[in-house]
Amino acid sequence: MRLNEITYTNATPVDGYGPGFFRVGGALFHGAVLTGPTGTSEWRGYEDAQPLLDLAANIDVLFIGTGAELAHIPAKLRNTLEDAGIGVEIMNSPAACRTYNVLLSEGRRIALAALPV
């Protein structure tokens, strides 16, 4: 088996998650989280679109984790993000974290906004 060390560029990977929390780049965040090329912070959820829009110049795709189960996001939020030129991919939070980490290791221009499981 060949092992390769992954080097992340300007963003940090999701190290783990559990009931009500995320660990990103070694730091613990309670509740929803937003992480990407400009850093990691708590996120207030679907009604908090401005931090997502602020990423428009730095990302191509935003992964939105909907918690433990896959769910629709509000149509207004999706339309606002897509109008700003941000691709939106919706999945449950565990899948969103895994996908974010894989694409981050490939140097992709991505961000993650996730609700806790």
N, C-alpha and C. Protein backbone atom coordinates (compact mmCIF):
# COMPACT_ATOMS: atom_id res chain seq x y z
N MET A 1 0.85 -1.17 0.00
CA MET A 1 0.00 0.00 0.00
C MET A 1 0.90 1.23 0.00
N ARG A 2 0.55 2.19 -0.83
CA ARG A 2 1.31 3.43 -0.90
C ARG A 2 0.53 4.52 -0.17
N LEU A 3 1.17 5.21 0.74
CA LEU A 3 0.55 6.29 1.48
C LEU A 3 1.13 7.62 1.02
N ASN A 4 0.29 8.58 0.81
CA ASN A 4 0.72 9.91 0.43
C ASN A 4 0.27 10.91 1.49
N GLU A 5 1.16 11.82 1.86
CA GLU A 5 0.78 12.87 2.78
C GLU A 5 0.00 13.92 2.01
N ILE A 6 -1.11 14.36 2.58
CA ILE A 6 -1.94 15.37 1.94
C ILE A 6 -1.54 16.73 2.49
N THR A 7 -1.30 17.67 1.59
CA THR A 7 -1.00 19.03 1.97
C THR A 7 -2.15 19.92 1.54
N TYR A 8 -2.74 20.61 2.50
CA TYR A 8 -3.85 21.50 2.20
C TYR A 8 -3.28 22.89 1.97
N THR A 9 -3.83 23.61 1.02
CA THR A 9 -3.30 24.92 0.66
C THR A 9 -3.79 25.99 1.63
N ASN A 10 -4.77 26.74 1.25
CA ASN A 10 -5.19 27.89 2.03
C ASN A 10 -6.45 27.64 2.87
N ALA A 11 -6.85 26.43 3.02
CA ALA A 11 -8.02 26.09 3.83
C ALA A 11 -7.68 24.88 4.68
N THR A 12 -8.49 24.64 5.69
CA THR A 12 -8.21 23.52 6.59
C THR A 12 -9.29 22.45 6.46
N PRO A 13 -8.90 21.19 6.63
CA PRO A 13 -9.86 20.10 6.51
C PRO A 13 -10.73 19.96 7.75
N VAL A 14 -11.83 19.25 7.56
CA VAL A 14 -12.69 18.88 8.67
C VAL A 14 -12.08 17.63 9.29
N ASP A 15 -11.68 17.74 10.55
CA ASP A 15 -11.04 16.62 11.24
C ASP A 15 -12.06 15.65 11.81
N GLY A 16 -13.25 16.14 12.14
CA GLY A 16 -14.26 15.28 12.71
C GLY A 16 -15.53 16.04 13.01
N TYR A 17 -16.55 15.31 13.40
CA TYR A 17 -17.84 15.90 13.74
C TYR A 17 -18.58 14.94 14.64
N GLY A 18 -19.55 15.44 15.33
CA GLY A 18 -20.37 14.62 16.20
C GLY A 18 -21.63 15.38 16.57
N PRO A 19 -22.38 14.88 17.53
CA PRO A 19 -23.63 15.54 17.89
C PRO A 19 -23.39 16.99 18.33
N GLY A 20 -23.74 17.93 17.45
CA GLY A 20 -23.67 19.34 17.80
C GLY A 20 -22.33 20.02 17.60
N PHE A 21 -21.33 19.35 17.03
CA PHE A 21 -20.02 20.00 16.88
C PHE A 21 -19.29 19.55 15.61
N PHE A 22 -18.30 20.36 15.25
CA PHE A 22 -17.35 20.04 14.19
C PHE A 22 -15.95 20.35 14.70
N ARG A 23 -14.97 19.60 14.26
CA ARG A 23 -13.57 19.91 14.53
C ARG A 23 -12.93 20.20 13.17
N VAL A 24 -12.45 21.43 13.00
CA VAL A 24 -11.89 21.88 11.73
C VAL A 24 -10.48 22.41 11.99
N GLY A 25 -9.50 21.80 11.35
CA GLY A 25 -8.12 22.25 11.53
C GLY A 25 -7.68 22.21 12.98
N GLY A 26 -8.23 21.28 13.76
CA GLY A 26 -7.88 21.13 15.16
C GLY A 26 -8.70 21.98 16.12
N ALA A 27 -9.49 22.91 15.61
CA ALA A 27 -10.32 23.77 16.46
C ALA A 27 -11.74 23.21 16.55
N LEU A 28 -12.34 23.35 17.71
CA LEU A 28 -13.69 22.84 17.96
C LEU A 28 -14.71 23.95 17.75
N PHE A 29 -15.77 23.65 16.99
CA PHE A 29 -16.86 24.59 16.73
C PHE A 29 -18.17 23.92 17.12
N HIS A 30 -18.93 24.57 17.99
CA HIS A 30 -20.24 24.06 18.38
C HIS A 30 -21.30 24.66 17.48
N GLY A 31 -22.21 23.84 17.00
CA GLY A 31 -23.25 24.31 16.10
C GLY A 31 -22.80 24.26 14.66
N ALA A 32 -23.47 25.02 13.81
CA ALA A 32 -23.17 25.03 12.38
C ALA A 32 -21.82 25.71 12.14
N VAL A 33 -21.17 25.31 11.02
CA VAL A 33 -19.83 25.81 10.72
C VAL A 33 -19.73 26.20 9.25
N LEU A 34 -18.89 27.18 8.98
CA LEU A 34 -18.55 27.60 7.63
C LEU A 34 -17.04 27.58 7.51
N THR A 35 -16.52 26.86 6.53
CA THR A 35 -15.07 26.81 6.35
C THR A 35 -14.73 26.84 4.86
N GLY A 36 -13.61 27.46 4.58
CA GLY A 36 -13.18 27.59 3.19
C GLY A 36 -11.87 28.36 3.12
N PRO A 37 -11.58 28.95 1.98
CA PRO A 37 -10.28 29.59 1.77
C PRO A 37 -10.04 30.84 2.63
N THR A 38 -11.09 31.42 3.20
CA THR A 38 -10.90 32.61 4.02
C THR A 38 -10.92 32.31 5.51
N GLY A 39 -10.99 31.03 5.88
CA GLY A 39 -10.97 30.64 7.28
C GLY A 39 -12.22 29.88 7.70
N THR A 40 -12.33 29.67 8.99
CA THR A 40 -13.44 28.89 9.55
C THR A 40 -14.12 29.71 10.64
N SER A 41 -15.45 29.65 10.65
CA SER A 41 -16.22 30.37 11.67
C SER A 41 -17.53 29.65 11.93
N GLU A 42 -18.18 30.05 12.99
CA GLU A 42 -19.53 29.54 13.24
C GLU A 42 -20.44 30.15 12.19
N TRP A 43 -21.50 29.43 11.85
CA TRP A 43 -22.46 29.88 10.85
C TRP A 43 -23.84 29.82 11.48
N ARG A 44 -24.67 30.81 11.20
CA ARG A 44 -26.00 30.88 11.83
C ARG A 44 -27.06 30.12 11.06
N GLY A 45 -26.71 29.42 10.01
CA GLY A 45 -27.66 28.60 9.29
C GLY A 45 -28.21 29.26 8.04
N TYR A 46 -29.29 28.71 7.54
CA TYR A 46 -29.83 29.11 6.25
C TYR A 46 -30.18 30.58 6.14
N GLU A 47 -30.52 31.22 7.24
CA GLU A 47 -30.87 32.64 7.21
C GLU A 47 -29.64 33.54 7.14
N ASP A 48 -28.46 32.97 7.27
CA ASP A 48 -27.19 33.71 7.32
C ASP A 48 -26.47 33.58 5.98
N ALA A 49 -27.00 34.22 4.94
CA ALA A 49 -26.46 34.07 3.58
C ALA A 49 -25.23 34.93 3.32
N GLN A 50 -25.08 36.05 4.01
CA GLN A 50 -24.01 36.99 3.67
C GLN A 50 -22.61 36.38 3.75
N PRO A 51 -22.27 35.61 4.80
CA PRO A 51 -20.94 35.00 4.82
C PRO A 51 -20.69 34.06 3.63
N LEU A 52 -21.75 33.42 3.15
CA LEU A 52 -21.63 32.54 1.98
C LEU A 52 -21.39 33.38 0.73
N LEU A 53 -22.12 34.46 0.60
CA LEU A 53 -21.95 35.35 -0.56
C LEU A 53 -20.58 36.00 -0.58
N ASP A 54 -20.01 36.25 0.59
CA ASP A 54 -18.68 36.85 0.68
C ASP A 54 -17.60 35.96 0.08
N LEU A 55 -17.89 34.68 -0.08
CA LEU A 55 -16.93 33.72 -0.63
C LEU A 55 -16.96 33.66 -2.16
N ALA A 56 -17.90 34.33 -2.80
CA ALA A 56 -18.15 34.18 -4.24
C ALA A 56 -16.90 34.35 -5.09
N ALA A 57 -16.03 35.28 -4.77
CA ALA A 57 -14.84 35.51 -5.58
C ALA A 57 -13.76 34.45 -5.36
N ASN A 58 -13.89 33.66 -4.29
CA ASN A 58 -12.84 32.72 -3.91
C ASN A 58 -13.18 31.26 -4.14
N ILE A 59 -14.44 30.96 -4.47
CA ILE A 59 -14.84 29.55 -4.62
C ILE A 59 -15.65 29.35 -5.89
N ASP A 60 -15.68 28.11 -6.32
CA ASP A 60 -16.54 27.71 -7.43
C ASP A 60 -17.76 26.95 -6.93
N VAL A 61 -17.56 26.17 -5.86
CA VAL A 61 -18.63 25.31 -5.34
C VAL A 61 -18.70 25.43 -3.82
N LEU A 62 -19.93 25.50 -3.33
CA LEU A 62 -20.20 25.49 -1.90
C LEU A 62 -20.96 24.21 -1.58
N PHE A 63 -20.41 23.41 -0.67
CA PHE A 63 -21.11 22.23 -0.18
C PHE A 63 -21.92 22.66 1.03
N ILE A 64 -23.21 22.34 1.03
CA ILE A 64 -24.06 22.63 2.17
C ILE A 64 -24.48 21.32 2.80
N GLY A 65 -24.06 21.12 4.04
CA GLY A 65 -24.44 19.94 4.80
C GLY A 65 -25.71 20.22 5.57
N THR A 66 -26.72 19.40 5.37
CA THR A 66 -28.05 19.65 5.93
C THR A 66 -28.29 18.93 7.27
N GLY A 67 -27.23 18.50 7.92
CA GLY A 67 -27.38 17.77 9.18
C GLY A 67 -27.27 16.28 8.96
N ALA A 68 -27.89 15.51 9.83
CA ALA A 68 -27.78 14.05 9.76
C ALA A 68 -28.45 13.47 8.52
N GLU A 69 -29.50 14.13 8.05
CA GLU A 69 -30.26 13.63 6.89
C GLU A 69 -30.20 14.64 5.75
N LEU A 70 -30.29 14.14 4.55
CA LEU A 70 -30.39 15.00 3.38
C LEU A 70 -31.72 15.74 3.40
N ALA A 71 -31.69 17.04 3.16
CA ALA A 71 -32.92 17.84 3.15
C ALA A 71 -32.75 18.97 2.14
N HIS A 72 -33.85 19.52 1.70
CA HIS A 72 -33.81 20.67 0.80
C HIS A 72 -33.42 21.90 1.59
N ILE A 73 -32.68 22.81 0.94
CA ILE A 73 -32.42 24.11 1.55
C ILE A 73 -33.49 25.07 1.03
N PRO A 74 -33.69 26.20 1.68
CA PRO A 74 -34.68 27.16 1.19
C PRO A 74 -34.36 27.60 -0.25
N ALA A 75 -35.37 27.64 -1.08
CA ALA A 75 -35.18 28.01 -2.49
C ALA A 75 -34.58 29.41 -2.61
N LYS A 76 -34.97 30.32 -1.74
CA LYS A 76 -34.43 31.68 -1.77
C LYS A 76 -32.91 31.66 -1.58
N LEU A 77 -32.41 30.85 -0.65
CA LEU A 77 -30.97 30.75 -0.42
C LEU A 77 -30.27 30.18 -1.64
N ARG A 78 -30.77 29.10 -2.18
CA ARG A 78 -30.17 28.49 -3.38
C ARG A 78 -30.12 29.50 -4.53
N ASN A 79 -31.22 30.19 -4.77
CA ASN A 79 -31.27 31.16 -5.86
C ASN A 79 -30.29 32.30 -5.64
N THR A 80 -30.19 32.79 -4.41
CA THR A 80 -29.27 33.87 -4.09
C THR A 80 -27.83 33.46 -4.36
N LEU A 81 -27.46 32.25 -3.93
CA LEU A 81 -26.10 31.77 -4.13
C LEU A 81 -25.80 31.55 -5.61
N GLU A 82 -26.73 30.93 -6.31
CA GLU A 82 -26.51 30.67 -7.73
C GLU A 82 -26.46 31.97 -8.53
N ASP A 83 -27.25 32.96 -8.16
CA ASP A 83 -27.21 34.27 -8.82
C ASP A 83 -25.87 34.96 -8.61
N ALA A 84 -25.20 34.64 -7.50
CA ALA A 84 -23.87 35.20 -7.22
C ALA A 84 -22.76 34.41 -7.90
N GLY A 85 -23.12 33.37 -8.65
CA GLY A 85 -22.12 32.58 -9.36
C GLY A 85 -21.51 31.45 -8.56
N ILE A 86 -22.14 31.09 -7.46
CA ILE A 86 -21.65 30.00 -6.61
C ILE A 86 -22.41 28.73 -6.95
N GLY A 87 -21.68 27.67 -7.30
CA GLY A 87 -22.31 26.36 -7.48
C GLY A 87 -22.67 25.81 -6.12
N VAL A 88 -23.82 25.20 -6.00
CA VAL A 88 -24.32 24.71 -4.71
C VAL A 88 -24.54 23.21 -4.81
N GLU A 89 -23.95 22.47 -3.89
CA GLU A 89 -24.15 21.02 -3.79
C GLU A 89 -24.70 20.72 -2.40
N ILE A 90 -25.84 20.08 -2.35
CA ILE A 90 -26.52 19.77 -1.10
C ILE A 90 -26.35 18.29 -0.78
N MET A 91 -25.98 17.99 0.45
CA MET A 91 -25.88 16.60 0.92
C MET A 91 -25.96 16.61 2.44
N ASN A 92 -26.09 15.44 3.03
CA ASN A 92 -26.07 15.43 4.49
C ASN A 92 -24.68 15.85 4.97
N SER A 93 -24.58 16.29 6.20
CA SER A 93 -23.32 16.85 6.69
C SER A 93 -22.15 15.87 6.68
N PRO A 94 -22.33 14.59 7.07
CA PRO A 94 -21.19 13.68 6.97
C PRO A 94 -20.64 13.55 5.54
N ALA A 95 -21.52 13.41 4.57
CA ALA A 95 -21.08 13.31 3.17
C ALA A 95 -20.44 14.61 2.71
N ALA A 96 -21.00 15.74 3.12
CA ALA A 96 -20.45 17.03 2.74
C ALA A 96 -19.04 17.22 3.30
N CYS A 97 -18.82 16.80 4.53
CA CYS A 97 -17.48 16.91 5.13
C CYS A 97 -16.47 16.04 4.39
N ARG A 98 -16.85 14.82 4.09
CA ARG A 98 -15.93 13.92 3.37
C ARG A 98 -15.61 14.46 1.98
N THR A 99 -16.63 14.90 1.26
CA THR A 99 -16.43 15.40 -0.09
C THR A 99 -15.58 16.67 -0.06
N TYR A 100 -15.85 17.54 0.87
CA TYR A 100 -15.06 18.76 1.04
C TYR A 100 -13.58 18.41 1.24
N ASN A 101 -13.29 17.48 2.12
CA ASN A 101 -11.90 17.11 2.39
C ASN A 101 -11.20 16.55 1.16
N VAL A 102 -11.89 15.70 0.41
CA VAL A 102 -11.29 15.10 -0.79
C VAL A 102 -10.97 16.19 -1.81
N LEU A 103 -11.94 17.04 -2.09
CA LEU A 103 -11.72 18.08 -3.10
C LEU A 103 -10.75 19.14 -2.61
N LEU A 104 -10.72 19.40 -1.32
CA LEU A 104 -9.74 20.33 -0.76
C LEU A 104 -8.33 19.81 -0.98
N SER A 105 -8.14 18.50 -0.80
CA SER A 105 -6.81 17.91 -1.00
C SER A 105 -6.37 17.98 -2.45
N GLU A 106 -7.32 18.15 -3.36
CA GLU A 106 -7.00 18.30 -4.78
C GLU A 106 -6.79 19.75 -5.18
N GLY A 107 -6.89 20.66 -4.22
CA GLY A 107 -6.66 22.07 -4.49
C GLY A 107 -7.84 22.78 -5.13
N ARG A 108 -9.03 22.23 -5.00
CA ARG A 108 -10.21 22.85 -5.61
C ARG A 108 -10.64 24.11 -4.86
N ARG A 109 -11.35 24.97 -5.54
CA ARG A 109 -11.87 26.23 -4.97
C ARG A 109 -13.26 25.96 -4.39
N ILE A 110 -13.28 25.52 -3.14
CA ILE A 110 -14.51 25.07 -2.50
C ILE A 110 -14.65 25.64 -1.09
N ALA A 111 -15.86 25.54 -0.56
CA ALA A 111 -16.15 25.88 0.82
C ALA A 111 -17.23 24.93 1.32
N LEU A 112 -17.39 24.90 2.62
CA LEU A 112 -18.38 24.03 3.27
C LEU A 112 -19.15 24.83 4.30
N ALA A 113 -20.46 24.76 4.22
CA ALA A 113 -21.36 25.30 5.25
C ALA A 113 -22.18 24.11 5.72
N ALA A 114 -22.08 23.78 7.01
CA ALA A 114 -22.71 22.54 7.46
C ALA A 114 -23.44 22.73 8.78
N LEU A 115 -24.64 22.15 8.83
CA LEU A 115 -25.40 22.06 10.07
C LEU A 115 -24.94 20.83 10.83
N PRO A 116 -24.96 20.86 12.15
CA PRO A 116 -24.48 19.71 12.92
C PRO A 116 -25.38 18.49 12.78
N VAL A 117 -24.79 17.33 13.05
CA VAL A 117 -25.54 16.07 13.01
C VAL A 117 -26.18 15.83 14.37
